[in-house]
Amino acid sequence: MAKRSLSSGRLLIACGLVGFVLTAAAVVARRGYGHQQGVRTAALEGRQVALESERVRLEAAIRDASSRPRLGPIAEKRLGMRVPADSQVVILSRATRSGGTP
């Protein structure tokens, strides 16, 4: 009987060690995955900042390209348009409803 209790004690210790190794491997794998996702998230956040600054730059370029000082000379040269004289300007008033204000 002494031999039987000795082998069951070794079996218990071996199972404990296998469980510990499996748990340690799971923790290492989880931390590795978390680190990988953190690196990926940081890269995506950096790309988002770069794209937002590019959007702001493009909006400023659109604003500059569509401004009156920029479009005036182009309209005069390419389209043959000109600035009207004061006598040619007609100011339209907004139609009002009966008795109401515009």
PDB file of N, CA and C in Angstrom:
ATOM      1  N   MET A   1       0.787  -1.196   0.000  1.00  0.00           N
ATOM      2  CA  MET A   1       0.000   0.000   0.000  1.00  0.00           C
ATOM      3  C   MET A   1       0.838   1.274   0.000  1.00  0.00           C
ATOM      4  N   ALA A   2       2.009   1.213   0.536  1.00  0.00           N
ATOM      5  CA  ALA A   2       2.865   2.382   0.570  1.00  0.00           C
ATOM      6  C   ALA A   2       3.259   2.796  -0.836  1.00  0.00           C
ATOM      7  N   LYS A   3       3.433   1.821  -1.686  1.00  0.00           N
ATOM      8  CA  LYS A   3       3.804   2.107  -3.058  1.00  0.00           C
ATOM      9  C   LYS A   3       2.685   2.836  -3.789  1.00  0.00           C
ATOM     10  N   ARG A   4       1.456   2.481  -3.486  1.00  0.00           N
ATOM     11  CA  ARG A   4       0.305   3.093  -4.131  1.00  0.00           C
ATOM     12  C   ARG A   4       0.162   4.564  -3.747  1.00  0.00           C
ATOM     13  N   SER A   5       0.329   4.905  -2.506  1.00  0.00           N
ATOM     14  CA  SER A   5       0.195   6.294  -2.080  1.00  0.00           C
ATOM     15  C   SER A   5       1.336   7.145  -2.612  1.00  0.00           C
ATOM     16  N   LEU A   6       2.497   6.559  -2.810  1.00  0.00           N
ATOM     17  CA  LEU A   6       3.629   7.289  -3.357  1.00  0.00           C
ATOM     18  C   LEU A   6       3.386   7.646  -4.816  1.00  0.00           C
ATOM     19  N   SER A   7       2.843   6.733  -5.608  1.00  0.00           N
ATOM     20  CA  SER A   7       2.588   7.035  -7.012  1.00  0.00           C
ATOM     21  C   SER A   7       1.420   8.000  -7.174  1.00  0.00           C
ATOM     22  N   SER A   8       0.427   7.935  -6.294  1.00  0.00           N
ATOM     23  CA  SER A   8      -0.684   8.886  -6.404  1.00  0.00           C
ATOM     24  C   SER A   8      -0.230  10.287  -6.016  1.00  0.00           C
ATOM     25  N   GLY A   9       0.738  10.410  -5.111  1.00  0.00           N
ATOM     26  CA  GLY A   9       1.294  11.714  -4.746  1.00  0.00           C
ATOM     27  C   GLY A   9       2.086  12.308  -5.897  1.00  0.00           C
ATOM     28  N   ARG A  10       2.840  11.452  -6.587  1.00  0.00           N
ATOM     29  CA  ARG A  10       3.589  11.924  -7.752  1.00  0.00           C
ATOM     30  C   ARG A  10       2.640  12.345  -8.870  1.00  0.00           C
ATOM     31  N   LEU A  11       1.579  11.581  -9.037  1.00  0.00           N
ATOM     32  CA  LEU A  11       0.574  11.918 -10.059  1.00  0.00           C
ATOM     33  C   LEU A  11      -0.081  13.264  -9.748  1.00  0.00           C
ATOM     34  N   LEU A  12      -0.360  13.492  -8.493  1.00  0.00           N
ATOM     35  CA  LEU A  12      -0.970  14.758  -8.082  1.00  0.00           C
ATOM     36  C   LEU A  12      -0.022  15.932  -8.346  1.00  0.00           C
ATOM     37  N   ILE A  13       1.248  15.752  -8.036  1.00  0.00           N
ATOM     38  CA  ILE A  13       2.232  16.806  -8.268  1.00  0.00           C
ATOM     39  C   ILE A  13       2.416  17.035  -9.778  1.00  0.00           C
ATOM     40  N   ALA A  14       2.461  15.951 -10.548  1.00  0.00           N
ATOM     41  CA  ALA A  14       2.607  16.093 -11.997  1.00  0.00           C
ATOM     42  C   ALA A  14       1.413  16.830 -12.593  1.00  0.00           C
ATOM     43  N   CYS A  15       0.203  16.510 -12.163  1.00  0.00           N
ATOM     44  CA  CYS A  15      -0.993  17.220 -12.645  1.00  0.00           C
ATOM     45  C   CYS A  15      -0.946  18.695 -12.258  1.00  0.00           C
ATOM     46  N   GLY A  16      -0.488  18.974 -11.050  1.00  0.00           N
ATOM     47  CA  GLY A  16      -0.354  20.364 -10.612  1.00  0.00           C
ATOM     48  C   GLY A  16       0.636  21.129 -11.462  1.00  0.00           C
ATOM     49  N   LEU A  17       1.764  20.510 -11.790  1.00  0.00           N
ATOM     50  CA  LEU A  17       2.768  21.167 -12.622  1.00  0.00           C
ATOM     51  C   LEU A  17       2.254  21.390 -14.043  1.00  0.00           C
ATOM     52  N   VAL A  18       1.562  20.383 -14.601  1.00  0.00           N
ATOM     53  CA  VAL A  18       0.990  20.546 -15.942  1.00  0.00           C
ATOM     54  C   VAL A  18      -0.031  21.680 -15.939  1.00  0.00           C
ATOM     55  N   GLY A  19      -0.859  21.755 -14.917  1.00  0.00           N
ATOM     56  CA  GLY A  19      -1.842  22.845 -14.814  1.00  0.00           C
ATOM     57  C   GLY A  19      -1.167  24.201 -14.718  1.00  0.00           C
ATOM     58  N   PHE A  20      -0.081  24.271 -13.938  1.00  0.00           N
ATOM     59  CA  PHE A  20       0.643  25.526 -13.808  1.00  0.00           C
ATOM     60  C   PHE A  20       1.239  25.952 -15.143  1.00  0.00           C
ATOM     61  N   VAL A  21       1.842  25.004 -15.872  1.00  0.00           N
ATOM     62  CA  VAL A  21       2.454  25.324 -17.165  1.00  0.00           C
ATOM     63  C   VAL A  21       1.395  25.784 -18.156  1.00  0.00           C
ATOM     64  N   LEU A  22       0.244  25.105 -18.178  1.00  0.00           N
ATOM     65  CA  LEU A  22      -0.838  25.526 -19.089  1.00  0.00           C
ATOM     66  C   LEU A  22      -1.350  26.918 -18.738  1.00  0.00           C
ATOM     67  N   THR A  23      -1.507  27.199 -17.457  1.00  0.00           N
ATOM     68  CA  THR A  23      -1.971  28.524 -17.034  1.00  0.00           C
ATOM     69  C   THR A  23      -0.950  29.601 -17.398  1.00  0.00           C
ATOM     70  N   ALA A  24       0.323  29.311 -17.181  1.00  0.00           N
ATOM     71  CA  ALA A  24       1.370  30.283 -17.522  1.00  0.00           C
ATOM     72  C   ALA A  24       1.409  30.529 -19.031  1.00  0.00           C
ATOM     73  N   ALA A  25       1.248  29.462 -19.810  1.00  0.00           N
ATOM     74  CA  ALA A  25       1.248  29.623 -21.268  1.00  0.00           C
ATOM     75  C   ALA A  25       0.056  30.464 -21.717  1.00  0.00           C
ATOM     76  N   ALA A  26      -1.097  30.266 -21.098  1.00  0.00           N
ATOM     77  CA  ALA A  26      -2.286  31.048 -21.450  1.00  0.00           C
ATOM     78  C   ALA A  26      -2.077  32.525 -21.113  1.00  0.00           C
ATOM     79  N   VAL A  27      -1.466  32.809 -19.973  1.00  0.00           N
ATOM     80  CA  VAL A  27      -1.220  34.202 -19.571  1.00  0.00           C
ATOM     81  C   VAL A  27      -0.241  34.867 -20.544  1.00  0.00           C
ATOM     82  N   VAL A  28       0.819  34.155 -20.921  1.00  0.00           N
ATOM     83  CA  VAL A  28       1.803  34.715 -21.851  1.00  0.00           C
ATOM     84  C   VAL A  28       1.151  34.982 -23.210  1.00  0.00           C
ATOM     85  N   ALA A  29       0.325  34.046 -23.687  1.00  0.00           N
ATOM     86  CA  ALA A  29      -0.349  34.229 -24.973  1.00  0.00           C
ATOM     87  C   ALA A  29      -1.300  35.415 -24.925  1.00  0.00           C
ATOM     88  N   ARG A  30      -2.043  35.572 -23.835  1.00  0.00           N
ATOM     89  CA  ARG A  30      -2.985  36.686 -23.711  1.00  0.00           C
ATOM     90  C   ARG A  30      -2.252  38.015 -23.681  1.00  0.00           C
ATOM     91  N   ARG A  31      -1.149  38.074 -22.957  1.00  0.00           N
ATOM     92  CA  ARG A  31      -0.390  39.328 -22.897  1.00  0.00           C
ATOM     93  C   ARG A  31       0.228  39.664 -24.247  1.00  0.00           C
ATOM     94  N   GLY A  32       0.698  38.663 -24.960  1.00  0.00           N
ATOM     95  CA  GLY A  32       1.253  38.894 -26.295  1.00  0.00           C
ATOM     96  C   GLY A  32       0.197  39.434 -27.244  1.00  0.00           C
ATOM     97  N   TYR A  33      -1.010  38.852 -27.180  1.00  0.00           N
ATOM     98  CA  TYR A  33      -2.106  39.328 -28.023  1.00  0.00           C
ATOM     99  C   TYR A  33      -2.496  40.755 -27.649  1.00  0.00           C
ATOM    100  N   GLY A  34      -2.545  41.048 -26.359  1.00  0.00           N
ATOM    101  CA  GLY A  34      -2.878  42.403 -25.911  1.00  0.00           C
ATOM    102  C   GLY A  34      -1.850  43.419 -26.362  1.00  0.00           C
ATOM    103  N   HIS A  35      -0.574  43.053 -26.293  1.00  0.00           N
ATOM    104  CA  HIS A  35       0.476  43.969 -26.749  1.00  0.00           C
ATOM    105  C   HIS A  35       0.358  44.219 -28.246  1.00  0.00           C
ATOM    106  N   GLN A  36       0.095  43.169 -29.001  1.00  0.00           N
ATOM    107  CA  GLN A  36      -0.063  43.304 -30.454  1.00  0.00           C
ATOM    108  C   GLN A  36      -1.232  44.231 -30.786  1.00  0.00           C
ATOM    109  N   GLN A  37      -2.336  44.073 -30.089  1.00  0.00           N
ATOM    110  CA  GLN A  37      -3.492  44.931 -30.329  1.00  0.00           C
ATOM    111  C   GLN A  37      -3.214  46.372 -29.918  1.00  0.00           C
ATOM    112  N   GLY A  38      -2.429  46.571 -28.866  1.00  0.00           N
ATOM    113  CA  GLY A  38      -2.058  47.924 -28.453  1.00  0.00           C
ATOM    114  C   GLY A  38      -1.213  48.623 -29.502  1.00  0.00           C
ATOM    115  N   VAL A  39      -0.270  47.893 -30.091  1.00  0.00           N
ATOM    116  CA  VAL A  39       0.572  48.464 -31.143  1.00  0.00           C
ATOM    117  C   VAL A  39      -0.282  48.818 -32.355  1.00  0.00           C
ATOM    118  N   ARG A  40      -1.207  47.933 -32.700  1.00  0.00           N
ATOM    119  CA  ARG A  40      -2.083  48.187 -33.847  1.00  0.00           C
ATOM    120  C   ARG A  40      -2.991  49.398 -33.588  1.00  0.00           C
ATOM    121  N   THR A  41      -3.519  49.502 -32.380  1.00  0.00           N
ATOM    122  CA  THR A  41      -4.381  50.636 -32.032  1.00  0.00           C
ATOM    123  C   THR A  41      -3.604  51.950 -32.111  1.00  0.00           C
ATOM    124  N   ALA A  42      -2.375  51.948 -31.614  1.00  0.00           N
ATOM    125  CA  ALA A  42      -1.560  53.166 -31.668  1.00  0.00           C
ATOM    126  C   ALA A  42      -1.280  53.563 -33.115  1.00  0.00           C
ATOM    127  N   ALA A  43      -1.020  52.582 -33.972  1.00  0.00           N
ATOM    128  CA  ALA A  43      -0.779  52.895 -35.385  1.00  0.00           C
ATOM    129  C   ALA A  43      -2.028  53.470 -36.037  1.00  0.00           C
ATOM    130  N   LEU A  44      -3.184  52.917 -35.718  1.00  0.00           N
ATOM    131  CA  LEU A  44      -4.429  53.434 -36.300  1.00  0.00           C
ATOM    132  C   LEU A  44      -4.748  54.835 -35.789  1.00  0.00           C
ATOM    133  N   GLU A  45      -4.464  55.112 -34.521  1.00  0.00           N
ATOM    134  CA  GLU A  45      -4.694  56.455 -33.990  1.00  0.00           C
ATOM    135  C   GLU A  45      -3.770  57.467 -34.664  1.00  0.00           C
ATOM    136  N   GLY A  46      -2.526  57.068 -34.910  1.00  0.00           N
ATOM    137  CA  GLY A  46      -1.597  57.953 -35.628  1.00  0.00           C
ATOM    138  C   GLY A  46      -2.077  58.233 -37.034  1.00  0.00           C
ATOM    139  N   ARG A  47      -2.602  57.210 -37.695  1.00  0.00           N
ATOM    140  CA  ARG A  47      -3.126  57.402 -39.053  1.00  0.00           C
ATOM    141  C   ARG A  47      -4.350  58.312 -39.040  1.00  0.00           C
ATOM    142  N   GLN A  48      -5.193  58.168 -38.011  1.00  0.00           N
ATOM    143  CA  GLN A  48      -6.384  59.016 -37.908  1.00  0.00           C
ATOM    144  C   GLN A  48      -5.982  60.478 -37.748  1.00  0.00           C
ATOM    145  N   VAL A  49      -4.991  60.749 -36.915  1.00  0.00           N
ATOM    146  CA  VAL A  49      -4.517  62.133 -36.724  1.00  0.00           C
ATOM    147  C   VAL A  49      -3.976  62.688 -38.037  1.00  0.00           C
ATOM    148  N   ALA A  50      -3.213  61.863 -38.763  1.00  0.00           N
ATOM    149  CA  ALA A  50      -2.653  62.318 -40.043  1.00  0.00           C
ATOM    150  C   ALA A  50      -3.763  62.609 -41.049  1.00  0.00           C
ATOM    151  N   LEU A  51      -4.784  61.761 -41.094  1.00  0.00           N
ATOM    152  CA  LEU A  51      -5.884  61.978 -42.040  1.00  0.00           C
ATOM    153  C   LEU A  51      -6.710  63.207 -41.669  1.00  0.00           C
ATOM    154  N   GLU A  52      -6.899  63.446 -40.378  1.00  0.00           N
ATOM    155  CA  GLU A  52      -7.640  64.642 -39.965  1.00  0.00           C
ATOM    156  C   GLU A  52      -6.877  65.915 -40.333  1.00  0.00           C
ATOM    157  N   SER A  53      -5.556  65.908 -40.166  1.00  0.00           N
ATOM    158  CA  SER A  53      -4.784  67.093 -40.550  1.00  0.00           C
ATOM    159  C   SER A  53      -4.804  67.278 -42.068  1.00  0.00           C
ATOM    160  N   GLU A  54      -4.811  66.181 -42.811  1.00  0.00           N
ATOM    161  CA  GLU A  54      -4.916  66.275 -44.273  1.00  0.00           C
ATOM    162  C   GLU A  54      -6.272  66.843 -44.676  1.00  0.00           C
ATOM    163  N   ARG A  55      -7.348  66.443 -43.976  1.00  0.00           N
ATOM    164  CA  ARG A  55      -8.681  66.964 -44.260  1.00  0.00           C
ATOM    165  C   ARG A  55      -8.724  68.477 -44.010  1.00  0.00           C
ATOM    166  N   VAL A  56      -8.137  68.917 -42.916  1.00  0.00           N
ATOM    167  CA  VAL A  56      -8.118  70.356 -42.606  1.00  0.00           C
ATOM    168  C   VAL A  56      -7.342  71.113 -43.682  1.00  0.00           C
ATOM    169  N   ARG A  57      -6.214  70.536 -44.116  1.00  0.00           N
ATOM    170  CA  ARG A  57      -5.414  71.186 -45.164  1.00  0.00           C
ATOM    171  C   ARG A  57      -6.195  71.277 -46.471  1.00  0.00           C
ATOM    172  N   LEU A  58      -6.902  70.208 -46.823  1.00  0.00           N
ATOM    173  CA  LEU A  58      -7.675  70.220 -48.067  1.00  0.00           C
ATOM    174  C   LEU A  58      -8.851  71.187 -47.992  1.00  0.00           C
ATOM    175  N   GLU A  59      -9.504  71.265 -46.824  1.00  0.00           N
ATOM    176  CA  GLU A  59     -10.600  72.238 -46.682  1.00  0.00           C
ATOM    177  C   GLU A  59     -10.085  73.663 -46.843  1.00  0.00           C
ATOM    178  N   ALA A  60      -8.904  73.947 -46.307  1.00  0.00           N
ATOM    179  CA  ALA A  60      -8.320  75.284 -46.472  1.00  0.00           C
ATOM    180  C   ALA A  60      -7.983  75.548 -47.936  1.00  0.00           C
ATOM    181  N   ALA A  61      -7.488  74.541 -48.626  1.00  0.00           N
ATOM    182  CA  ALA A  61      -7.169  74.707 -50.050  1.00  0.00           C
ATOM    183  C   ALA A  61      -8.441  74.946 -50.862  1.00  0.00           C
ATOM    184  N   ILE A  62      -9.519  74.259 -50.530  1.00  0.00           N
ATOM    185  CA  ILE A  62     -10.800  74.475 -51.225  1.00  0.00           C
ATOM    186  C   ILE A  62     -11.315  75.881 -50.958  1.00  0.00           C
ATOM    187  N   ARG A  63     -11.217  76.320 -49.689  1.00  0.00           N
ATOM    188  CA  ARG A  63     -11.662  77.675 -49.344  1.00  0.00           C
ATOM    189  C   ARG A  63     -10.871  78.718 -50.121  1.00  0.00           C
ATOM    190  N   ASP A  64      -9.558  78.532 -50.210  1.00  0.00           N
ATOM    191  CA  ASP A  64      -8.727  79.487 -50.953  1.00  0.00           C
ATOM    192  C   ASP A  64      -9.045  79.464 -52.445  1.00  0.00           C
ATOM    193  N   ALA A  65      -9.234  78.280 -53.002  1.00  0.00           N
ATOM    194  CA  ALA A  65      -9.492  78.163 -54.444  1.00  0.00           C
ATOM    195  C   ALA A  65     -10.869  78.686 -54.825  1.00  0.00           C
ATOM    196  N   SER A  66     -11.821  78.677 -53.907  1.00  0.00           N
ATOM    197  CA  SER A  66     -13.166  79.141 -54.235  1.00  0.00           C
ATOM    198  C   SER A  66     -13.443  80.558 -53.733  1.00  0.00           C
ATOM    199  N   SER A  67     -12.411  81.283 -53.328  1.00  0.00           N
ATOM    200  CA  SER A  67     -12.618  82.648 -52.843  1.00  0.00           C
ATOM    201  C   SER A  67     -12.831  83.602 -54.019  1.00  0.00           C
ATOM    202  N   ARG A  68     -13.447  84.697 -53.744  1.00  0.00           N
ATOM    203  CA  ARG A  68     -13.747  85.683 -54.781  1.00  0.00           C
ATOM    204  C   ARG A  68     -12.489  86.259 -55.430  1.00  0.00           C
ATOM    205  N   PRO A  69     -11.448  86.614 -54.660  1.00  0.00           N
ATOM    206  CA  PRO A  69     -10.239  87.138 -55.322  1.00  0.00           C
ATOM    207  C   PRO A  69      -9.585  86.127 -56.270  1.00  0.00           C
ATOM    208  N   ARG A  70      -9.725  84.866 -55.970  1.00  0.00           N
ATOM    209  CA  ARG A  70      -9.129  83.839 -56.834  1.00  0.00           C
ATOM    210  C   ARG A  70     -10.005  83.566 -58.061  1.00  0.00           C
ATOM    211  N   LEU A  71     -11.322  83.547 -57.877  1.00  0.00           N
ATOM    212  CA  LEU A  71     -12.227  83.231 -58.982  1.00  0.00           C
ATOM    213  C   LEU A  71     -12.485  84.422 -59.911  1.00  0.00           C
ATOM    214  N   GLY A  72     -12.339  85.660 -59.401  1.00  0.00           N
ATOM    215  CA  GLY A  72     -12.599  86.851 -60.216  1.00  0.00           C
ATOM    216  C   GLY A  72     -11.770  86.906 -61.487  1.00  0.00           C
ATOM    217  N   PRO A  73     -10.456  86.837 -61.384  1.00  0.00           N
ATOM    218  CA  PRO A  73      -9.634  86.886 -62.597  1.00  0.00           C
ATOM    219  C   PRO A  73      -9.887  85.705 -63.541  1.00  0.00           C
ATOM    220  N   ILE A  74     -10.151  84.561 -62.996  1.00  0.00           N
ATOM    221  CA  ILE A  74     -10.433  83.398 -63.847  1.00  0.00           C
ATOM    222  C   ILE A  74     -11.727  83.601 -64.617  1.00  0.00           C
ATOM    223  N   ALA A  75     -12.752  84.134 -63.956  1.00  0.00           N
ATOM    224  CA  ALA A  75     -14.028  84.386 -64.631  1.00  0.00           C
ATOM    225  C   ALA A  75     -13.880  85.453 -65.707  1.00  0.00           C
ATOM    226  N   GLU A  76     -13.052  86.450 -65.452  1.00  0.00           N
ATOM    227  CA  GLU A  76     -12.866  87.508 -66.456  1.00  0.00           C
ATOM    228  C   GLU A  76     -12.096  86.999 -67.676  1.00  0.00           C
ATOM    229  N   LYS A  77     -11.032  86.255 -67.451  1.00  0.00           N
ATOM    230  CA  LYS A  77     -10.183  85.815 -68.564  1.00  0.00           C
ATOM    231  C   LYS A  77     -10.795  84.650 -69.332  1.00  0.00           C
ATOM    232  N   ARG A  78     -11.162  83.609 -68.656  1.00  0.00           N
ATOM    233  CA  ARG A  78     -11.614  82.396 -69.351  1.00  0.00           C
ATOM    234  C   ARG A  78     -13.067  82.458 -69.806  1.00  0.00           C
ATOM    235  N   LEU A  79     -13.910  83.103 -69.014  1.00  0.00           N
ATOM    236  CA  LEU A  79     -15.347  83.097 -69.314  1.00  0.00           C
ATOM    237  C   LEU A  79     -15.826  84.413 -69.916  1.00  0.00           C
ATOM    238  N   GLY A  80     -14.981  85.417 -69.966  1.00  0.00           N
ATOM    239  CA  GLY A  80     -15.368  86.693 -70.538  1.00  0.00           C
ATOM    240  C   GLY A  80     -16.357  87.458 -69.661  1.00  0.00           C
ATOM    241  N   MET A  81     -16.398  87.189 -68.409  1.00  0.00           N
ATOM    242  CA  MET A  81     -17.322  87.877 -67.499  1.00  0.00           C
ATOM    243  C   MET A  81     -16.669  89.159 -66.996  1.00  0.00           C
ATOM    244  N   ARG A  82     -17.490  90.059 -66.478  1.00  0.00           N
ATOM    245  CA  ARG A  82     -16.967  91.299 -65.919  1.00  0.00           C
ATOM    246  C   ARG A  82     -17.820  91.697 -64.728  1.00  0.00           C
ATOM    247  N   VAL A  83     -17.308  92.617 -63.947  1.00  0.00           N
ATOM    248  CA  VAL A  83     -18.053  93.126 -62.796  1.00  0.00           C
ATOM    249  C   VAL A  83     -19.085  94.122 -63.306  1.00  0.00           C
ATOM    250  N   PRO A  84     -20.358  93.982 -62.942  1.00  0.00           N
ATOM    251  CA  PRO A  84     -21.374  94.882 -63.471  1.00  0.00           C
ATOM    252  C   PRO A  84     -21.262  96.282 -62.871  1.00  0.00           C
ATOM    253  N   ALA A  85     -21.732  97.249 -63.626  1.00  0.00           N
ATOM    254  CA  ALA A  85     -21.789  98.627 -63.129  1.00  0.00           C
ATOM    255  C   ALA A  85     -22.918  98.706 -62.095  1.00  0.00           C
ATOM    256  N   ASP A  86     -22.887  99.767 -61.299  1.00  0.00           N
ATOM    257  CA  ASP A  86     -23.907  99.912 -60.264  1.00  0.00           C
ATOM    258  C   ASP A  86     -25.306 100.016 -60.854  1.00  0.00           C
ATOM    259  N   SER A  87     -25.440 100.600 -62.020  1.00  0.00           N
ATOM    260  CA  SER A  87     -26.765 100.741 -62.635  1.00  0.00           C
ATOM    261  C   SER A  87     -27.284  99.392 -63.140  1.00  0.00           C
ATOM    262  N   GLN A  88     -26.421  98.428 -63.292  1.00  0.00           N
ATOM    263  CA  GLN A  88     -26.849  97.119 -63.788  1.00  0.00           C
ATOM    264  C   GLN A  88     -27.229  96.157 -62.659  1.00  0.00           C
ATOM    265  N   VAL A  89     -26.973  96.520 -61.437  1.00  0.00           N
ATOM    266  CA  VAL A  89     -27.265  95.645 -60.302  1.00  0.00           C
ATOM    267  C   VAL A  89     -28.712  95.820 -59.892  1.00  0.00           C
ATOM    268  N   VAL A  90     -29.419  94.730 -59.793  1.00  0.00           N
ATOM    269  CA  VAL A  90     -30.811  94.755 -59.353  1.00  0.00           C
ATOM    270  C   VAL A  90     -30.885  94.010 -58.028  1.00  0.00           C
ATOM    271  N   ILE A  91     -31.417  94.681 -57.021  1.00  0.00           N
ATOM    272  CA  ILE A  91     -31.552  94.053 -55.710  1.00  0.00           C
ATOM    273  C   ILE A  91     -32.977  93.547 -55.586  1.00  0.00           C
ATOM    274  N   LEU A  92     -33.106  92.282 -55.368  1.00  0.00           N
ATOM    275  CA  LEU A  92     -34.421  91.660 -55.249  1.00  0.00           C
ATOM    276  C   LEU A  92     -34.789  91.568 -53.786  1.00  0.00           C
ATOM    277  N   SER A  93     -36.027  91.948 -53.500  1.00  0.00           N
ATOM    278  CA  SER A  93     -36.487  91.821 -52.120  1.00  0.00           C
ATOM    279  C   SER A  93     -37.210  90.489 -51.970  1.00  0.00           C
ATOM    280  N   ARG A  94     -37.227  90.035 -50.792  1.00  0.00           N
ATOM    281  CA  ARG A  94     -37.860  88.760 -50.501  1.00  0.00           C
ATOM    282  C   ARG A  94     -39.361  88.969 -50.437  1.00  0.00           C
ATOM    283  N   ALA A  95     -40.098  88.063 -51.066  1.00  0.00           N
ATOM    284  CA  ALA A  95     -41.562  88.180 -51.041  1.00  0.00           C
ATOM    285  C   ALA A  95     -42.050  87.934 -49.620  1.00  0.00           C
ATOM    286  N   THR A  96     -42.979  88.821 -49.189  1.00  0.00           N
ATOM    287  CA  THR A  96     -43.502  88.672 -47.825  1.00  0.00           C
ATOM    288  C   THR A  96     -44.866  88.051 -47.880  1.00  0.00           C
ATOM    289  N   ARG A  97     -45.211  87.365 -46.814  1.00  0.00           N
ATOM    290  CA  ARG A  97     -46.554  86.829 -46.719  1.00  0.00           C
ATOM    291  C   ARG A  97     -47.492  87.951 -46.316  1.00  0.00           C
ATOM    292  N   SER A  98     -48.755  87.744 -46.468  1.00  0.00           N
ATOM    293  CA  SER A  98     -49.722  88.817 -46.205  1.00  0.00           C
ATOM    294  C   SER A  98     -49.577  89.311 -44.761  1.00  0.00           C
ATOM    295  N   GLY A  99     -49.132  90.551 -44.645  1.00  0.00           N
ATOM    296  CA  GLY A  99     -49.054  91.223 -43.363  1.00  0.00           C
ATOM    297  C   GLY A  99     -47.880  90.795 -42.512  1.00  0.00           C
ATOM    298  N   GLY A 100     -47.100  89.839 -42.919  1.00  0.00           N
ATOM    299  CA  GLY A 100     -45.978  89.352 -42.097  1.00  0.00           C
ATOM    300  C   GLY A 100     -44.670  89.973 -42.522  1.00  0.00           C
ATOM    301  N   THR A 101     -43.673  89.735 -41.732  1.00  0.00           N
ATOM    302  CA  THR A 101     -42.347  90.218 -42.078  1.00  0.00           C
ATOM    303  C   THR A 101     -41.599  89.083 -42.795  1.00  0.00           C
ATOM    304  N   PRO A 102     -40.579  89.423 -43.536  1.00  0.00           N
ATOM    305  CA  PRO A 102     -39.871  88.411 -44.326  1.00  0.00           C
ATOM    306  C   PRO A 102     -39.222  87.343 -43.493  1.00  0.00           C
TER     307      PRO A 102
END
